[in-house]
Amino acid sequence: MSLEPERIRAKLGDIARSVERLRALHALGRDAFLKDPDSQDIARSRLLTAIEAALNICYHASAKRLGQVPEEYAQCFLLLGQGGLLSKELANRLALMARFRNRLVHLYWDVDYGLVYDFLPEAIRDLEEYASAASNWL
């Protein structure tokens, strides 16, 4: 089955816009970021948006290219790694990101924004690598 290019391009746009904002927020510096609740809220929102867009692409590719529907978010990226659509290393890192997403969503009252700030460079790198891989599927 073939992928829907417009759907993937739209989600890649969501990732790119979110990554751009996340990069700018990280550039504020740790102290400034931790003193600004608005920056923290934007970072959380943009991180969730980017991860959700990545998951949307993941589920679509998993269904169309691998004929599988994962049972949970982290498993989706692992399936893409097993299926050769992603490197296994990137798939493992994205699975961890999916679990981080679950923490941001389900434990929203107890978010450690120092941890979020520290996570941003890795998340940005992995999201960009994923977006590059996904664009090659088109």
C-alpha atoms as a PDB file:
ATOM      1  CA  MET A   1       0.000   0.000   0.000  1.00  0.00           C
ATOM      2  CA  SER A   2       1.217   3.466  -0.689  1.00  0.00           C
ATOM      3  CA  LEU A   3       1.676   6.344   1.684  1.00  0.00           C
ATOM      4  CA  GLU A   4      -0.365   9.531   1.477  1.00  0.00           C
ATOM      5  CA  PRO A   5       2.277  12.144   0.600  1.00  0.00           C
ATOM      6  CA  GLU A   6       0.173  15.186   1.503  1.00  0.00           C
ATOM      7  CA  ARG A   7      -0.615  13.784   4.929  1.00  0.00           C
ATOM      8  CA  ILE A   8       3.064  13.144   5.603  1.00  0.00           C
ATOM      9  CA  ARG A   9       4.122  16.556   4.269  1.00  0.00           C
ATOM     10  CA  ALA A  10       1.584  18.277   6.538  1.00  0.00           C
ATOM     11  CA  LYS A  11       2.907  16.436   9.587  1.00  0.00           C
ATOM     12  CA  LEU A  12       6.502  17.125   8.566  1.00  0.00           C
ATOM     13  CA  GLY A  13       5.544  20.816   8.481  1.00  0.00           C
ATOM     14  CA  ASP A  14       4.191  20.527  12.023  1.00  0.00           C
ATOM     15  CA  ILE A  15       7.468  18.963  13.125  1.00  0.00           C
ATOM     16  CA  ALA A  16       9.573  21.624  11.385  1.00  0.00           C
ATOM     17  CA  ARG A  17       7.616  24.526  12.897  1.00  0.00           C
ATOM     18  CA  SER A  18       7.764  22.971  16.350  1.00  0.00           C
ATOM     19  CA  VAL A  19      11.487  22.254  16.103  1.00  0.00           C
ATOM     20  CA  GLU A  20      12.124  25.858  15.103  1.00  0.00           C
ATOM     21  CA  ARG A  21      10.290  27.138  18.189  1.00  0.00           C
ATOM     22  CA  LEU A  22      11.967  24.567  20.452  1.00  0.00           C
ATOM     23  CA  ARG A  23      15.392  25.593  19.189  1.00  0.00           C
ATOM     24  CA  ALA A  24      14.592  29.259  19.944  1.00  0.00           C
ATOM     25  CA  LEU A  25      13.373  28.384  23.436  1.00  0.00           C
ATOM     26  CA  HIS A  26      16.499  26.373  24.173  1.00  0.00           C
ATOM     27  CA  ALA A  27      18.611  29.317  22.974  1.00  0.00           C
ATOM     28  CA  LEU A  28      17.178  31.414  25.823  1.00  0.00           C
ATOM     29  CA  GLY A  29      19.459  29.554  28.212  1.00  0.00           C
ATOM     30  CA  ARG A  30      18.493  27.302  31.066  1.00  0.00           C
ATOM     31  CA  ASP A  31      18.049  29.988  33.742  1.00  0.00           C
ATOM     32  CA  ALA A  32      15.883  32.234  31.574  1.00  0.00           C
ATOM     33  CA  PHE A  33      13.809  29.252  30.438  1.00  0.00           C
ATOM     34  CA  LEU A  34      13.208  28.042  33.995  1.00  0.00           C
ATOM     35  CA  LYS A  35      12.163  31.530  35.134  1.00  0.00           C
ATOM     36  CA  ASP A  36       9.586  31.943  32.360  1.00  0.00           C
ATOM     37  CA  PRO A  37       6.394  29.875  32.708  1.00  0.00           C
ATOM     38  CA  ASP A  38       5.231  30.976  29.248  1.00  0.00           C
ATOM     39  CA  SER A  39       8.384  29.579  27.641  1.00  0.00           C
ATOM     40  CA  GLN A  40       7.883  26.360  29.561  1.00  0.00           C
ATOM     41  CA  ASP A  41       4.274  26.074  28.387  1.00  0.00           C
ATOM     42  CA  ILE A  42       5.260  26.758  24.791  1.00  0.00           C
ATOM     43  CA  ALA A  43       8.066  24.198  24.963  1.00  0.00           C
ATOM     44  CA  ARG A  44       5.740  21.554  26.368  1.00  0.00           C
ATOM     45  CA  SER A  45       3.097  22.313  23.743  1.00  0.00           C
ATOM     46  CA  ARG A  46       5.553  22.341  20.827  1.00  0.00           C
ATOM     47  CA  LEU A  47       7.247  19.184  22.022  1.00  0.00           C
ATOM     48  CA  LEU A  48       3.881  17.437  22.230  1.00  0.00           C
ATOM     49  CA  THR A  49       2.882  18.744  18.795  1.00  0.00           C
ATOM     50  CA  ALA A  50       6.100  17.484  17.216  1.00  0.00           C
ATOM     51  CA  ILE A  51       5.884  14.093  18.892  1.00  0.00           C
ATOM     52  CA  GLU A  52       2.203  13.693  17.958  1.00  0.00           C
ATOM     53  CA  ALA A  53       3.018  14.569  14.334  1.00  0.00           C
ATOM     54  CA  ALA A  54       5.874  12.043  14.356  1.00  0.00           C
ATOM     55  CA  LEU A  55       3.527   9.416  15.774  1.00  0.00           C
ATOM     56  CA  ASN A  56       0.896  10.198  13.160  1.00  0.00           C
ATOM     57  CA  ILE A  57       3.456   9.585  10.423  1.00  0.00           C
ATOM     58  CA  CYS A  58       4.663   6.488  12.245  1.00  0.00           C
ATOM     59  CA  TYR A  59       1.235   4.880  12.501  1.00  0.00           C
ATOM     60  CA  HIS A  60       0.500   5.701   8.860  1.00  0.00           C
ATOM     61  CA  ALA A  61       3.822   4.230   7.650  1.00  0.00           C
ATOM     62  CA  SER A  62       3.490   1.212   9.895  1.00  0.00           C
ATOM     63  CA  ALA A  63       0.034   0.420   8.520  1.00  0.00           C
ATOM     64  CA  LYS A  64       0.789   1.172   4.871  1.00  0.00           C
ATOM     65  CA  ARG A  65       4.354  -0.117   4.558  1.00  0.00           C
ATOM     66  CA  LEU A  66       4.525  -2.844   7.184  1.00  0.00           C
ATOM     67  CA  GLY A  67       0.873  -3.886   7.424  1.00  0.00           C
ATOM     68  CA  GLN A  68       0.985  -3.588  11.205  1.00  0.00           C
ATOM     69  CA  VAL A  69      -0.829  -1.459  13.747  1.00  0.00           C
ATOM     70  CA  PRO A  70       1.182  -0.983  16.935  1.00  0.00           C
ATOM     71  CA  GLU A  71      -0.482  -1.450  20.283  1.00  0.00           C
ATOM     72  CA  GLU A  72       1.240   1.523  21.901  1.00  0.00           C
ATOM     73  CA  TYR A  73       3.167   4.618  20.880  1.00  0.00           C
ATOM     74  CA  ALA A  74       6.705   3.509  21.660  1.00  0.00           C
ATOM     75  CA  GLN A  75       6.158   0.240  19.806  1.00  0.00           C
ATOM     76  CA  CYS A  76       5.340   2.143  16.611  1.00  0.00           C
ATOM     77  CA  PHE A  77       8.853   3.532  16.243  1.00  0.00           C
ATOM     78  CA  LEU A  78      10.359   0.168  17.151  1.00  0.00           C
ATOM     79  CA  LEU A  79       8.359  -1.467  14.351  1.00  0.00           C
ATOM     80  CA  LEU A  80       9.733   1.054  11.866  1.00  0.00           C
ATOM     81  CA  GLY A  81      13.232   0.174  13.050  1.00  0.00           C
ATOM     82  CA  GLN A  82      12.555  -3.543  12.708  1.00  0.00           C
ATOM     83  CA  GLY A  83      11.049  -2.971   9.258  1.00  0.00           C
ATOM     84  CA  GLY A  84      14.099  -1.071   8.025  1.00  0.00           C
ATOM     85  CA  LEU A  85      12.350   2.278   7.649  1.00  0.00           C
ATOM     86  CA  LEU A  86      14.468   3.769  10.453  1.00  0.00           C
ATOM     87  CA  SER A  87      17.791   2.868  11.956  1.00  0.00           C
ATOM     88  CA  LYS A  88      17.304   0.796  15.073  1.00  0.00           C
ATOM     89  CA  GLU A  89      19.215   3.399  17.087  1.00  0.00           C
ATOM     90  CA  LEU A  90      16.871   6.205  16.024  1.00  0.00           C
ATOM     91  CA  ALA A  91      13.857   3.957  16.536  1.00  0.00           C
ATOM     92  CA  ASN A  92      14.970   3.259  20.119  1.00  0.00           C
ATOM     93  CA  ARG A  93      15.505   6.956  20.854  1.00  0.00           C
ATOM     94  CA  LEU A  94      12.094   7.827  19.391  1.00  0.00           C
ATOM     95  CA  ALA A  95      10.479   5.102  21.503  1.00  0.00           C
ATOM     96  CA  LEU A  96      11.948   6.827  24.557  1.00  0.00           C
ATOM     97  CA  MET A  97      10.595  10.128  23.263  1.00  0.00           C
ATOM     98  CA  ALA A  98       7.127   8.577  22.980  1.00  0.00           C
ATOM     99  CA  ARG A  99       7.387   7.514  26.619  1.00  0.00           C
ATOM    100  CA  PHE A 100       8.504  11.050  27.532  1.00  0.00           C
ATOM    101  CA  ARG A 101       5.384  12.295  25.718  1.00  0.00           C
ATOM    102  CA  ASN A 102       3.248  10.052  27.907  1.00  0.00           C
ATOM    103  CA  ARG A 103       4.783  11.629  30.993  1.00  0.00           C
ATOM    104  CA  LEU A 104       4.106  15.153  29.686  1.00  0.00           C
ATOM    105  CA  VAL A 105       0.489  14.255  28.969  1.00  0.00           C
ATOM    106  CA  HIS A 106      -0.440  12.059  31.892  1.00  0.00           C
ATOM    107  CA  LEU A 107       1.612  13.726  34.635  1.00  0.00           C
ATOM    108  CA  TYR A 108       1.152  17.307  33.444  1.00  0.00           C
ATOM    109  CA  TRP A 109       0.914  18.622  37.011  1.00  0.00           C
ATOM    110  CA  ASP A 110       4.379  17.301  37.841  1.00  0.00           C
ATOM    111  CA  VAL A 111       6.524  18.298  34.849  1.00  0.00           C
ATOM    112  CA  ASP A 112      10.196  18.885  35.611  1.00  0.00           C
ATOM    113  CA  TYR A 113      10.973  21.733  33.229  1.00  0.00           C
ATOM    114  CA  GLY A 114      14.678  21.411  33.915  1.00  0.00           C
ATOM    115  CA  LEU A 115      14.421  17.917  32.463  1.00  0.00           C
ATOM    116  CA  VAL A 116      12.398  19.264  29.520  1.00  0.00           C
ATOM    117  CA  TYR A 117      15.065  21.903  28.834  1.00  0.00           C
ATOM    118  CA  ASP A 118      17.848  19.323  29.019  1.00  0.00           C
ATOM    119  CA  PHE A 119      15.907  16.991  26.710  1.00  0.00           C
ATOM    120  CA  LEU A 120      15.385  19.597  23.972  1.00  0.00           C
ATOM    121  CA  PRO A 121      18.707  19.266  22.073  1.00  0.00           C
ATOM    122  CA  GLU A 122      18.343  15.501  21.796  1.00  0.00           C
ATOM    123  CA  ALA A 123      14.666  15.778  20.873  1.00  0.00           C
ATOM    124  CA  ILE A 124      15.405  18.366  18.195  1.00  0.00           C
ATOM    125  CA  ARG A 125      18.157  16.198  16.704  1.00  0.00           C
ATOM    126  CA  ASP A 126      16.013  13.060  16.719  1.00  0.00           C
ATOM    127  CA  LEU A 127      12.943  14.794  15.301  1.00  0.00           C
ATOM    128  CA  GLU A 128      14.998  16.280  12.481  1.00  0.00           C
ATOM    129  CA  GLU A 129      16.578  12.903  11.727  1.00  0.00           C
ATOM    130  CA  TYR A 130      13.144  11.279  11.748  1.00  0.00           C
ATOM    131  CA  ALA A 131      11.696  13.972   9.476  1.00  0.00           C
ATOM    132  CA  SER A 132      14.552  13.427   7.033  1.00  0.00           C
ATOM    133  CA  ALA A 133      13.923   9.678   7.002  1.00  0.00           C
ATOM    134  CA  ALA A 134      10.163  10.133   6.591  1.00  0.00           C
ATOM    135  CA  SER A 135      10.612  12.564   3.711  1.00  0.00           C
ATOM    136  CA  ASN A 136      12.662   9.888   1.941  1.00  0.00           C
ATOM    137  CA  TRP A 137       9.674   7.526   2.070  1.00  0.00           C
ATOM    138  CA  LEU A 138       7.708   9.796  -0.271  1.00  0.00           C
END
